[in-house]
Amino acid sequence: MRRFTKPTVLVSKCITYERARCNAQIIADDFVEKLKPCVEFIPVCPEVGIELGVPRDPLRIVLVKDEQKFLQPATGLDLTEKMRSFSESFLNSLSEVDGFILKSGSPSSVLRM
């Protein structure tokens, strides 16, 4: 029987892997669970990657003077540059990725860097 290389897929860490969401919940997902034996998953949570805690105050993408900003309204923190730096560094550290499974609606999944 021929052996095939497992595809590499980046997945939001909060989907079946870790309590990484702002409310410290984990998202159960049957699809991801079924794929685990067939896929090499790379779990990531950019918010945890920039050293925000779990649980944490929610983050929002806000348009400020025609520029998207990554803000934490409750604390007033502007995390835009920190998130850009993390994203660039993390993505550049990957060799080849065949796909992405990201948490819908997560600000770090939709922020255009």
PDB file of N, CA and C in Angstrom:
ATOM      1  N   MET A   1       0.840  -1.177   0.000  1.00  0.00           N
ATOM      2  CA  MET A   1       0.000   0.000   0.000  1.00  0.00           C
ATOM      3  C   MET A   1       0.888   1.244   0.000  1.00  0.00           C
ATOM      4  N   ARG A   2       0.527   2.241  -0.815  1.00  0.00           N
ATOM      5  CA  ARG A   2       1.288   3.491  -0.855  1.00  0.00           C
ATOM      6  C   ARG A   2       1.027   4.316   0.389  1.00  0.00           C
ATOM      7  N   ARG A   3       2.067   4.962   0.836  1.00  0.00           N
ATOM      8  CA  ARG A   3       1.935   5.876   1.976  1.00  0.00           C
ATOM      9  C   ARG A   3       1.905   7.301   1.432  1.00  0.00           C
ATOM     10  N   PHE A   4       1.011   8.095   1.968  1.00  0.00           N
ATOM     11  CA  PHE A   4       0.894   9.478   1.571  1.00  0.00           C
ATOM     12  C   PHE A   4       1.295  10.370   2.733  1.00  0.00           C
ATOM     13  N   THR A   5       1.899  11.482   2.409  1.00  0.00           N
ATOM     14  CA  THR A   5       2.258  12.469   3.419  1.00  0.00           C
ATOM     15  C   THR A   5       0.981  13.115   3.955  1.00  0.00           C
ATOM     16  N   LYS A   6       0.921  13.238   5.262  1.00  0.00           N
ATOM     17  CA  LYS A   6      -0.228  13.911   5.873  1.00  0.00           C
ATOM     18  C   LYS A   6      -0.190  15.394   5.516  1.00  0.00           C
ATOM     19  N   PRO A   7      -1.324  15.978   5.162  1.00  0.00           N
ATOM     20  CA  PRO A   7      -1.352  17.418   4.939  1.00  0.00           C
ATOM     21  C   PRO A   7      -1.141  18.164   6.265  1.00  0.00           C
ATOM     22  N   THR A   8      -0.545  19.317   6.169  1.00  0.00           N
ATOM     23  CA  THR A   8      -0.317  20.172   7.333  1.00  0.00           C
ATOM     24  C   THR A   8      -1.382  21.261   7.346  1.00  0.00           C
ATOM     25  N   VAL A   9      -2.098  21.352   8.462  1.00  0.00           N
ATOM     26  CA  VAL A   9      -3.202  22.315   8.579  1.00  0.00           C
ATOM     27  C   VAL A   9      -3.036  23.111   9.866  1.00  0.00           C
ATOM     28  N   LEU A  10      -3.053  24.415   9.726  1.00  0.00           N
ATOM     29  CA  LEU A  10      -3.028  25.303  10.884  1.00  0.00           C
ATOM     30  C   LEU A  10      -4.446  25.368  11.440  1.00  0.00           C
ATOM     31  N   VAL A  11      -4.604  25.186  12.745  1.00  0.00           N
ATOM     32  CA  VAL A  11      -5.935  25.175  13.361  1.00  0.00           C
ATOM     33  C   VAL A  11      -5.943  26.105  14.580  1.00  0.00           C
ATOM     34  N   SER A  12      -7.038  26.808  14.758  1.00  0.00           N
ATOM     35  CA  SER A  12      -7.189  27.624  15.967  1.00  0.00           C
ATOM     36  C   SER A  12      -7.104  26.700  17.176  1.00  0.00           C
ATOM     37  N   LYS A  13      -6.244  27.055  18.099  1.00  0.00           N
ATOM     38  CA  LYS A  13      -5.991  26.209  19.274  1.00  0.00           C
ATOM     39  C   LYS A  13      -7.249  25.963  20.103  1.00  0.00           C
ATOM     40  N   CYS A  14      -8.188  26.885  20.057  1.00  0.00           N
ATOM     41  CA  CYS A  14      -9.415  26.737  20.847  1.00  0.00           C
ATOM     42  C   CYS A  14     -10.351  25.676  20.278  1.00  0.00           C
ATOM     43  N   ILE A  15     -10.072  25.213  19.065  1.00  0.00           N
ATOM     44  CA  ILE A  15     -10.907  24.177  18.457  1.00  0.00           C
ATOM     45  C   ILE A  15     -10.314  22.819  18.811  1.00  0.00           C
ATOM     46  N   THR A  16     -10.827  22.214  19.832  1.00  0.00           N
ATOM     47  CA  THR A  16     -10.508  20.882  20.367  1.00  0.00           C
ATOM     48  C   THR A  16      -9.165  20.754  21.077  1.00  0.00           C
ATOM     49  N   TYR A  17      -8.295  21.753  21.029  1.00  0.00           N
ATOM     50  CA  TYR A  17      -6.961  21.592  21.596  1.00  0.00           C
ATOM     51  C   TYR A  17      -6.781  22.156  22.997  1.00  0.00           C
ATOM     52  N   GLU A  18      -7.205  23.387  23.215  1.00  0.00           N
ATOM     53  CA  GLU A  18      -6.876  24.045  24.481  1.00  0.00           C
ATOM     54  C   GLU A  18      -7.904  25.117  24.817  1.00  0.00           C
ATOM     55  N   ARG A  19      -8.064  25.400  26.074  1.00  0.00           N
ATOM     56  CA  ARG A  19      -8.940  26.485  26.522  1.00  0.00           C
ATOM     57  C   ARG A  19      -8.203  27.801  26.292  1.00  0.00           C
ATOM     58  N   ALA A  20      -8.307  28.305  25.066  1.00  0.00           N
ATOM     59  CA  ALA A  20      -7.556  29.504  24.694  1.00  0.00           C
ATOM     60  C   ALA A  20      -8.462  30.700  24.408  1.00  0.00           C
ATOM     61  N   ARG A  21      -9.766  30.487  24.395  1.00  0.00           N
ATOM     62  CA  ARG A  21     -10.692  31.582  24.104  1.00  0.00           C
ATOM     63  C   ARG A  21     -10.713  32.602  25.240  1.00  0.00           C
ATOM     64  N   CYS A  22     -11.224  33.783  24.945  1.00  0.00           N
ATOM     65  CA  CYS A  22     -11.265  34.826  25.969  1.00  0.00           C
ATOM     66  C   CYS A  22     -12.093  34.390  27.177  1.00  0.00           C
ATOM     67  N   ASN A  23     -13.089  33.526  26.970  1.00  0.00           N
ATOM     68  CA  ASN A  23     -13.918  33.051  28.079  1.00  0.00           C
ATOM     69  C   ASN A  23     -13.433  31.713  28.640  1.00  0.00           C
ATOM     70  N   ALA A  24     -12.265  31.280  28.225  1.00  0.00           N
ATOM     71  CA  ALA A  24     -11.612  30.045  28.691  1.00  0.00           C
ATOM     72  C   ALA A  24     -12.361  28.781  28.283  1.00  0.00           C
ATOM     73  N   GLN A  25     -13.220  28.887  27.281  1.00  0.00           N
ATOM     74  CA  GLN A  25     -13.911  27.700  26.797  1.00  0.00           C
ATOM     75  C   GLN A  25     -13.126  27.044  25.672  1.00  0.00           C
ATOM     76  N   ILE A  26     -13.433  25.785  25.432  1.00  0.00           N
ATOM     77  CA  ILE A  26     -12.868  25.042  24.315  1.00  0.00           C
ATOM     78  C   ILE A  26     -14.026  24.709  23.383  1.00  0.00           C
ATOM     79  N   ILE A  27     -13.760  24.664  22.106  1.00  0.00           N
ATOM     80  CA  ILE A  27     -14.801  24.375  21.128  1.00  0.00           C
ATOM     81  C   ILE A  27     -14.652  22.931  20.678  1.00  0.00           C
ATOM     82  N   ALA A  28     -15.646  22.119  20.994  1.00  0.00           N
ATOM     83  CA  ALA A  28     -15.642  20.734  20.532  1.00  0.00           C
ATOM     84  C   ALA A  28     -16.006  20.735  19.050  1.00  0.00           C
ATOM     85  N   ASP A  29     -15.268  19.969  18.253  1.00  0.00           N
ATOM     86  CA  ASP A  29     -15.543  19.924  16.822  1.00  0.00           C
ATOM     87  C   ASP A  29     -15.293  18.515  16.296  1.00  0.00           C
ATOM     88  N   ASP A  30     -16.365  17.834  15.935  1.00  0.00           N
ATOM     89  CA  ASP A  30     -16.255  16.455  15.451  1.00  0.00           C
ATOM     90  C   ASP A  30     -15.410  16.356  14.185  1.00  0.00           C
ATOM     91  N   PHE A  31     -15.521  17.332  13.311  1.00  0.00           N
ATOM     92  CA  PHE A  31     -14.767  17.306  12.058  1.00  0.00           C
ATOM     93  C   PHE A  31     -13.262  17.305  12.319  1.00  0.00           C
ATOM     94  N   VAL A  32     -12.806  18.206  13.176  1.00  0.00           N
ATOM     95  CA  VAL A  32     -11.381  18.264  13.507  1.00  0.00           C
ATOM     96  C   VAL A  32     -10.947  16.978  14.202  1.00  0.00           C
ATOM     97  N   GLU A  33     -11.764  16.472  15.102  1.00  0.00           N
ATOM     98  CA  GLU A  33     -11.432  15.213  15.784  1.00  0.00           C
ATOM     99  C   GLU A  33     -11.265  14.071  14.780  1.00  0.00           C
ATOM    100  N   LYS A  34     -12.152  13.997  13.808  1.00  0.00           N
ATOM    101  CA  LYS A  34     -12.070  12.932  12.796  1.00  0.00           C
ATOM    102  C   LYS A  34     -10.832  13.089  11.906  1.00  0.00           C
ATOM    103  N   LEU A  35     -10.397  14.311  11.691  1.00  0.00           N
ATOM    104  CA  LEU A  35      -9.223  14.555  10.849  1.00  0.00           C
ATOM    105  C   LEU A  35      -7.898  14.279  11.551  1.00  0.00           C
ATOM    106  N   LYS A  36      -7.874  14.304  12.871  1.00  0.00           N
ATOM    107  CA  LYS A  36      -6.611  14.195  13.613  1.00  0.00           C
ATOM    108  C   LYS A  36      -5.714  13.040  13.178  1.00  0.00           C
ATOM    109  N   PRO A  37      -6.243  11.830  12.921  1.00  0.00           N
ATOM    110  CA  PRO A  37      -5.354  10.744  12.501  1.00  0.00           C
ATOM    111  C   PRO A  37      -4.780  10.944  11.085  1.00  0.00           C
ATOM    112  N   CYS A  38      -5.401  11.813  10.293  1.00  0.00           N
ATOM    113  CA  CYS A  38      -5.037  11.962   8.884  1.00  0.00           C
ATOM    114  C   CYS A  38      -4.296  13.253   8.566  1.00  0.00           C
ATOM    115  N   VAL A  39      -4.219  14.152   9.532  1.00  0.00           N
ATOM    116  CA  VAL A  39      -3.687  15.495   9.286  1.00  0.00           C
ATOM    117  C   VAL A  39      -2.643  15.825  10.338  1.00  0.00           C
ATOM    118  N   GLU A  40      -1.621  16.541   9.946  1.00  0.00           N
ATOM    119  CA  GLU A  40      -0.648  17.094  10.888  1.00  0.00           C
ATOM    120  C   GLU A  40      -1.137  18.495  11.235  1.00  0.00           C
ATOM    121  N   PHE A  41      -1.760  18.632  12.410  1.00  0.00           N
ATOM    122  CA  PHE A  41      -2.297  19.926  12.824  1.00  0.00           C
ATOM    123  C   PHE A  41      -1.227  20.754  13.523  1.00  0.00           C
ATOM    124  N   ILE A  42      -1.255  22.051  13.263  1.00  0.00           N
ATOM    125  CA  ILE A  42      -0.428  23.024  13.986  1.00  0.00           C
ATOM    126  C   ILE A  42      -1.397  23.953  14.713  1.00  0.00           C
ATOM    127  N   PRO A  43      -1.654  23.696  16.002  1.00  0.00           N
ATOM    128  CA  PRO A  43      -2.576  24.555  16.749  1.00  0.00           C
ATOM    129  C   PRO A  43      -1.899  25.884  17.121  1.00  0.00           C
ATOM    130  N   VAL A  44      -2.650  26.969  16.992  1.00  0.00           N
ATOM    131  CA  VAL A  44      -2.114  28.277  17.348  1.00  0.00           C
ATOM    132  C   VAL A  44      -3.235  29.170  17.863  1.00  0.00           C
ATOM    133  N   CYS A  45      -2.879  29.980  18.837  1.00  0.00           N
ATOM    134  CA  CYS A  45      -3.767  31.037  19.318  1.00  0.00           C
ATOM    135  C   CYS A  45      -2.933  32.317  19.350  1.00  0.00           C
ATOM    136  N   PRO A  46      -3.132  33.208  18.388  1.00  0.00           N
ATOM    137  CA  PRO A  46      -2.344  34.437  18.364  1.00  0.00           C
ATOM    138  C   PRO A  46      -2.449  35.272  19.640  1.00  0.00           C
ATOM    139  N   GLU A  47      -3.659  35.294  20.255  1.00  0.00           N
ATOM    140  CA  GLU A  47      -3.815  36.074  21.485  1.00  0.00           C
ATOM    141  C   GLU A  47      -2.935  35.525  22.599  1.00  0.00           C
ATOM    142  N   VAL A  48      -2.878  34.208  22.731  1.00  0.00           N
ATOM    143  CA  VAL A  48      -1.988  33.591  23.710  1.00  0.00           C
ATOM    144  C   VAL A  48      -0.538  33.813  23.275  1.00  0.00           C
ATOM    145  N   GLY A  49      -0.301  33.788  21.965  1.00  0.00           N
ATOM    146  CA  GLY A  49       1.038  34.019  21.429  1.00  0.00           C
ATOM    147  C   GLY A  49       1.602  35.396  21.748  1.00  0.00           C
ATOM    148  N   ILE A  50       0.709  36.378  21.933  1.00  0.00           N
ATOM    149  CA  ILE A  50       1.188  37.715  22.320  1.00  0.00           C
ATOM    150  C   ILE A  50       1.047  37.919  23.827  1.00  0.00           C
ATOM    151  N   GLU A  51       0.947  36.807  24.539  1.00  0.00           N
ATOM    152  CA  GLU A  51       0.992  36.758  25.995  1.00  0.00           C
ATOM    153  C   GLU A  51      -0.224  37.347  26.695  1.00  0.00           C
ATOM    154  N   LEU A  52      -1.391  37.276  26.042  1.00  0.00           N
ATOM    155  CA  LEU A  52      -2.625  37.640  26.734  1.00  0.00           C
ATOM    156  C   LEU A  52      -3.091  36.422  27.499  1.00  0.00           C
ATOM    157  N   GLY A  53      -3.666  36.629  28.627  1.00  0.00           N
ATOM    158  CA  GLY A  53      -4.088  35.526  29.484  1.00  0.00           C
ATOM    159  C   GLY A  53      -5.379  34.870  29.031  1.00  0.00           C
ATOM    160  N   VAL A  54      -5.706  33.798  29.711  1.00  0.00           N
ATOM    161  CA  VAL A  54      -6.960  33.070  29.515  1.00  0.00           C
ATOM    162  C   VAL A  54      -7.540  32.844  30.902  1.00  0.00           C
ATOM    163  N   PRO A  55      -8.728  33.330  31.191  1.00  0.00           N
ATOM    164  CA  PRO A  55      -9.565  34.182  30.353  1.00  0.00           C
ATOM    165  C   PRO A  55      -8.978  35.588  30.227  1.00  0.00           C
ATOM    166  N   ARG A  56      -9.544  36.348  29.313  1.00  0.00           N
ATOM    167  CA  ARG A  56      -9.070  37.722  29.070  1.00  0.00           C
ATOM    168  C   ARG A  56     -10.237  38.573  28.600  1.00  0.00           C
ATOM    169  N   ASP A  57     -10.054  39.865  28.670  1.00  0.00           N
ATOM    170  CA  ASP A  57     -11.069  40.769  28.127  1.00  0.00           C
ATOM    171  C   ASP A  57     -11.090  40.612  26.607  1.00  0.00           C
ATOM    172  N   PRO A  58     -12.279  40.685  26.014  1.00  0.00           N
ATOM    173  CA  PRO A  58     -12.402  40.512  24.562  1.00  0.00           C
ATOM    174  C   PRO A  58     -11.613  41.568  23.775  1.00  0.00           C
ATOM    175  N   LEU A  59     -11.251  41.174  22.565  1.00  0.00           N
ATOM    176  CA  LEU A  59     -10.541  42.043  21.635  1.00  0.00           C
ATOM    177  C   LEU A  59     -11.463  42.388  20.479  1.00  0.00           C
ATOM    178  N   ARG A  60     -11.214  43.510  19.851  1.00  0.00           N
ATOM    179  CA  ARG A  60     -12.035  43.952  18.726  1.00  0.00           C
ATOM    180  C   ARG A  60     -11.135  44.530  17.639  1.00  0.00           C
ATOM    181  N   ILE A  61     -11.603  44.396  16.404  1.00  0.00           N
ATOM    182  CA  ILE A  61     -10.967  45.097  15.294  1.00  0.00           C
ATOM    183  C   ILE A  61     -11.768  46.364  15.076  1.00  0.00           C
ATOM    184  N   VAL A  62     -11.080  47.498  15.125  1.00  0.00           N
ATOM    185  CA  VAL A  62     -11.740  48.792  15.030  1.00  0.00           C
ATOM    186  C   VAL A  62     -11.065  49.591  13.921  1.00  0.00           C
ATOM    187  N   LEU A  63     -11.848  50.235  13.082  1.00  0.00           N
ATOM    188  CA  LEU A  63     -11.311  51.080  12.026  1.00  0.00           C
ATOM    189  C   LEU A  63     -11.032  52.464  12.615  1.00  0.00           C
ATOM    190  N   VAL A  64      -9.762  52.859  12.593  1.00  0.00           N
ATOM    191  CA  VAL A  64      -9.337  54.160  13.108  1.00  0.00           C
ATOM    192  C   VAL A  64      -8.589  54.874  11.991  1.00  0.00           C
ATOM    193  N   LYS A  65      -9.155  55.965  11.513  1.00  0.00           N
ATOM    194  CA  LYS A  65      -8.546  56.731  10.419  1.00  0.00           C
ATOM    195  C   LYS A  65      -8.165  55.825   9.248  1.00  0.00           C
ATOM    196  N   ASP A  66      -9.116  55.037   8.789  1.00  0.00           N
ATOM    197  CA  ASP A  66      -8.951  54.115   7.651  1.00  0.00           C
ATOM    198  C   ASP A  66      -7.928  53.015   7.884  1.00  0.00           C
ATOM    199  N   GLU A  67      -7.564  52.753   9.132  1.00  0.00           N
ATOM    200  CA  GLU A  67      -6.628  51.666   9.445  1.00  0.00           C
ATOM    201  C   GLU A  67      -7.272  50.742  10.475  1.00  0.00           C
ATOM    202  N   GLN A  68      -7.134  49.430  10.224  1.00  0.00           N
ATOM    203  CA  GLN A  68      -7.641  48.463  11.187  1.00  0.00           C
ATOM    204  C   GLN A  68      -6.721  48.414  12.400  1.00  0.00           C
ATOM    205  N   LYS A  69      -7.323  48.508  13.577  1.00  0.00           N
ATOM    206  CA  LYS A  69      -6.586  48.423  14.834  1.00  0.00           C
ATOM    207  C   LYS A  69      -7.109  47.231  15.625  1.00  0.00           C
ATOM    208  N   PHE A  70      -6.229  46.564  16.317  1.00  0.00           N
ATOM    209  CA  PHE A  70      -6.559  45.401  17.143  1.00  0.00           C
ATOM    210  C   PHE A  70      -6.557  45.890  18.584  1.00  0.00           C
ATOM    211  N   LEU A  71      -7.751  46.131  19.129  1.00  0.00           N
ATOM    212  CA  LEU A  71      -7.878  46.802  20.425  1.00  0.00           C
ATOM    213  C   LEU A  71      -8.573  45.923  21.455  1.00  0.00           C
ATOM    214  N   GLN A  72      -8.236  46.178  22.706  1.00  0.00           N
ATOM    215  CA  GLN A  72      -8.924  45.554  23.835  1.00  0.00           C
ATOM    216  C   GLN A  72      -9.649  46.698  24.551  1.00  0.00           C
ATOM    217  N   PRO A  73     -10.931  46.920  24.198  1.00  0.00           N
ATOM    218  CA  PRO A  73     -11.653  48.090  24.715  1.00  0.00           C
ATOM    219  C   PRO A  73     -11.657  48.221  26.238  1.00  0.00           C
ATOM    220  N   ALA A  74     -11.775  47.133  26.975  1.00  0.00           N
ATOM    221  CA  ALA A  74     -11.870  47.206  28.439  1.00  0.00           C
ATOM    222  C   ALA A  74     -10.605  47.770  29.073  1.00  0.00           C
ATOM    223  N   THR A  75      -9.462  47.532  28.437  1.00  0.00           N
ATOM    224  CA  THR A  75      -8.188  48.001  29.002  1.00  0.00           C
ATOM    225  C   THR A  75      -7.609  49.190  28.247  1.00  0.00           C
ATOM    226  N   GLY A  76      -8.146  49.460  27.046  1.00  0.00           N
ATOM    227  CA  GLY A  76      -7.605  50.535  26.223  1.00  0.00           C
ATOM    228  C   GLY A  76      -6.336  50.151  25.481  1.00  0.00           C
ATOM    229  N   LEU A  77      -5.936  48.884  25.562  1.00  0.00           N
ATOM    230  CA  LEU A  77      -4.704  48.456  24.903  1.00  0.00           C
ATOM    231  C   LEU A  77      -4.862  48.397  23.390  1.00  0.00           C
ATOM    232  N   ASP A  78      -3.868  48.938  22.680  1.00  0.00           N
ATOM    233  CA  ASP A  78      -3.766  48.799  21.231  1.00  0.00           C
ATOM    234  C   ASP A  78      -2.719  47.720  20.981  1.00  0.00           C
ATOM    235  N   LEU A  79      -3.163  46.568  20.535  1.00  0.00           N
ATOM    236  CA  LEU A  79      -2.279  45.412  20.351  1.00  0.00           C
ATOM    237  C   LEU A  79      -1.949  45.172  18.879  1.00  0.00           C
ATOM    238  N   THR A  80      -2.194  46.168  18.043  1.00  0.00           N
ATOM    239  CA  THR A  80      -2.022  46.021  16.601  1.00  0.00           C
ATOM    240  C   THR A  80      -0.602  45.610  16.232  1.00  0.00           C
ATOM    241  N   GLU A  81       0.376  46.342  16.678  1.00  0.00           N
ATOM    242  CA  GLU A  81       1.763  46.042  16.290  1.00  0.00           C
ATOM    243  C   GLU A  81       2.247  44.726  16.881  1.00  0.00           C
ATOM    244  N   LYS A  82       1.854  44.453  18.108  1.00  0.00           N
ATOM    245  CA  LYS A  82       2.229  43.190  18.740  1.00  0.00           C
ATOM    246  C   LYS A  82       1.661  42.004  17.953  1.00  0.00           C
ATOM    247  N   MET A  83       0.403  42.125  17.511  1.00  0.00           N
ATOM    248  CA  MET A  83      -0.230  41.057  16.744  1.00  0.00           C
ATOM    249  C   MET A  83       0.398  40.948  15.351  1.00  0.00           C
ATOM    250  N   ARG A  84       0.691  42.061  14.726  1.00  0.00           N
ATOM    251  CA  ARG A  84       1.358  42.019  13.412  1.00  0.00           C
ATOM    252  C   ARG A  84       2.706  41.316  13.518  1.00  0.00           C
ATOM    253  N   SER A  85       3.459  41.665  14.523  1.00  0.00           N
ATOM    254  CA  SER A  85       4.785  41.068  14.721  1.00  0.00           C
ATOM    255  C   SER A  85       4.676  39.562  14.957  1.00  0.00           C
ATOM    256  N   PHE A  86       3.752  39.161  15.844  1.00  0.00           N
ATOM    257  CA  PHE A  86       3.565  37.739  16.108  1.00  0.00           C
ATOM    258  C   PHE A  86       3.154  37.002  14.840  1.00  0.00           C
ATOM    259  N   SER A  87       2.160  37.540  14.134  1.00  0.00           N
ATOM    260  CA  SER A  87       1.634  36.882  12.939  1.00  0.00           C
ATOM    261  C   SER A  87       2.707  36.704  11.878  1.00  0.00           C
ATOM    262  N   GLU A  88       3.453  37.765  11.631  1.00  0.00           N
ATOM    263  CA  GLU A  88       4.519  37.693  10.628  1.00  0.00           C
ATOM    264  C   GLU A  88       5.580  36.672  11.023  1.00  0.00           C
ATOM    265  N   SER A  89       6.011  36.731  12.260  1.00  0.00           N
ATOM    266  CA  SER A  89       7.039  35.808  12.742  1.00  0.00           C
ATOM    267  C   SER A  89       6.552  34.360  12.705  1.00  0.00           C
ATOM    268  N   PHE A  90       5.337  34.129  13.187  1.00  0.00           N
ATOM    269  CA  PHE A  90       4.797  32.772  13.228  1.00  0.00           C
ATOM    270  C   PHE A  90       4.613  32.209  11.825  1.00  0.00           C
ATOM    271  N   LEU A  91       3.974  32.977  10.958  1.00  0.00           N
ATOM    272  CA  LEU A  91       3.724  32.484   9.605  1.00  0.00           C
ATOM    273  C   LEU A  91       5.021  32.268   8.827  1.00  0.00           C
ATOM    274  N   ASN A  92       5.995  33.132   9.027  1.00  0.00           N
ATOM    275  CA  ASN A  92       7.280  32.952   8.345  1.00  0.00           C
ATOM    276  C   ASN A  92       8.063  31.756   8.874  1.00  0.00           C
ATOM    277  N   SER A  93       7.738  31.290  10.073  1.00  0.00           N
ATOM    278  CA  SER A  93       8.442  30.137  10.654  1.00  0.00           C
ATOM    279  C   SER A  93       7.920  28.802  10.099  1.00  0.00           C
ATOM    280  N   LEU A  94       6.791  28.844   9.429  1.00  0.00           N
ATOM    281  CA  LEU A  94       6.196  27.623   8.884  1.00  0.00           C
ATOM    282  C   LEU A  94       6.834  27.293   7.539  1.00  0.00           C
ATOM    283  N   SER A  95       7.026  26.013   7.292  1.00  0.00           N
ATOM    284  CA  SER A  95       7.550  25.639   5.985  1.00  0.00           C
ATOM    285  C   SER A  95       6.415  25.675   4.963  1.00  0.00           C
ATOM    286  N   GLU A  96       5.600  24.655   4.942  1.00  0.00           N
ATOM    287  CA  GLU A  96       4.494  24.617   4.003  1.00  0.00           C
ATOM    288  C   GLU A  96       3.236  24.234   4.752  1.00  0.00           C
ATOM    289  N   VAL A  97       2.166  24.940   4.465  1.00  0.00           N
ATOM    290  CA  VAL A  97       0.876  24.665   5.091  1.00  0.00           C
ATOM    291  C   VAL A  97      -0.117  24.387   3.968  1.00  0.00           C
ATOM    292  N   ASP A  98      -0.891  23.331   4.145  1.00  0.00           N
ATOM    293  CA  ASP A  98      -1.860  22.946   3.125  1.00  0.00           C
ATOM    294  C   ASP A  98      -3.240  23.537   3.353  1.00  0.00           C
ATOM    295  N   GLY A  99      -3.511  24.028   4.560  1.00  0.00           N
ATOM    296  CA  GLY A  99      -4.815  24.596   4.815  1.00  0.00           C
ATOM    297  C   GLY A  99      -4.920  25.213   6.193  1.00  0.00           C
ATOM    298  N   PHE A 100      -6.056  25.832   6.430  1.00  0.00           N
ATOM    299  CA  PHE A 100      -6.319  26.515   7.692  1.00  0.00           C
ATOM    300  C   PHE A 100      -7.728  26.182   8.160  1.00  0.00           C
ATOM    301  N   ILE A 101      -7.892  25.947   9.452  1.00  0.00           N
ATOM    302  CA  ILE A 101      -9.210  25.845  10.079  1.00  0.00           C
ATOM    303  C   ILE A 101      -9.181  26.846  11.224  1.00  0.00           C
ATOM    304  N   LEU A 102      -9.902  27.950  11.037  1.00  0.00           N
ATOM    305  CA  LEU A 102      -9.850  29.048  11.996  1.00  0.00           C
ATOM    306  C   LEU A 102     -11.220  29.272  12.614  1.00  0.00           C
ATOM    307  N   LYS A 103     -11.216  29.768  13.842  1.00  0.00           N
ATOM    308  CA  LYS A 103     -12.447  30.057  14.561  1.00  0.00           C
ATOM    309  C   LYS A 103     -13.159  31.233  13.905  1.00  0.00           C
ATOM    310  N   SER A 104     -14.344  30.962  13.392  1.00  0.00           N
ATOM    311  CA  SER A 104     -15.141  31.997  12.757  1.00  0.00           C
ATOM    312  C   SER A 104     -15.408  33.142  13.736  1.00  0.00           C
ATOM    313  N   GLY A 105     -15.224  34.355  13.265  1.00  0.00           N
ATOM    314  CA  GLY A 105     -15.524  35.523  14.076  1.00  0.00           C
ATOM    315  C   GLY A 105     -14.426  35.942  15.034  1.00  0.00           C
ATOM    316  N   SER A 106     -13.377  35.123  15.171  1.00  0.00           N
ATOM    317  CA  SER A 106     -12.273  35.504  16.047  1.00  0.00           C
ATOM    318  C   SER A 106     -11.540  36.681  15.433  1.00  0.00           C
ATOM    319  N   PRO A 107     -11.312  37.755  16.198  1.00  0.00           N
ATOM    320  CA  PRO A 107     -10.656  38.910  15.608  1.00  0.00           C
ATOM    321  C   PRO A 107      -9.268  38.602  15.045  1.00  0.00           C
ATOM    322  N   SER A 108      -8.536  37.703  15.674  1.00  0.00           N
ATOM    323  CA  SER A 108      -7.195  37.408  15.150  1.00  0.00           C
ATOM    324  C   SER A 108      -7.258  36.560  13.887  1.00  0.00           C
ATOM    325  N   SER A 109      -8.392  35.945  13.608  1.00  0.00           N
ATOM    326  CA  SER A 109      -8.547  35.161  12.384  1.00  0.00           C
ATOM    327  C   SER A 109      -8.906  36.029  11.188  1.00  0.00           C
ATOM    328  N   VAL A 110      -9.436  37.207  11.450  1.00  0.00           N
ATOM    329  CA  VAL A 110      -9.905  38.047  10.351  1.00  0.00           C
ATOM    330  C   VAL A 110      -9.121  39.345  10.183  1.00  0.00           C
ATOM    331  N   LEU A 111      -8.223  39.646  11.092  1.00  0.00           N
ATOM    332  CA  LEU A 111      -7.453  40.885  11.005  1.00  0.00           C
ATOM    333  C   LEU A 111      -6.555  40.840   9.779  1.00  0.00           C
ATOM    334  N   ARG A 112      -6.662  41.813   8.923  1.00  0.00           N
ATOM    335  CA  ARG A 112      -5.807  41.893   7.731  1.00  0.00           C
ATOM    336  C   ARG A 112      -4.536  42.633   8.111  1.00  0.00           C
ATOM    337  N   MET A 113      -3.463  41.880   8.099  1.00  0.00           N
ATOM    338  CA  MET A 113      -2.183  42.485   8.458  1.00  0.00           C
ATOM    339  C   MET A 113      -1.544  43.059   7.224  1.00  0.00           C
TER     340      MET A 113
END
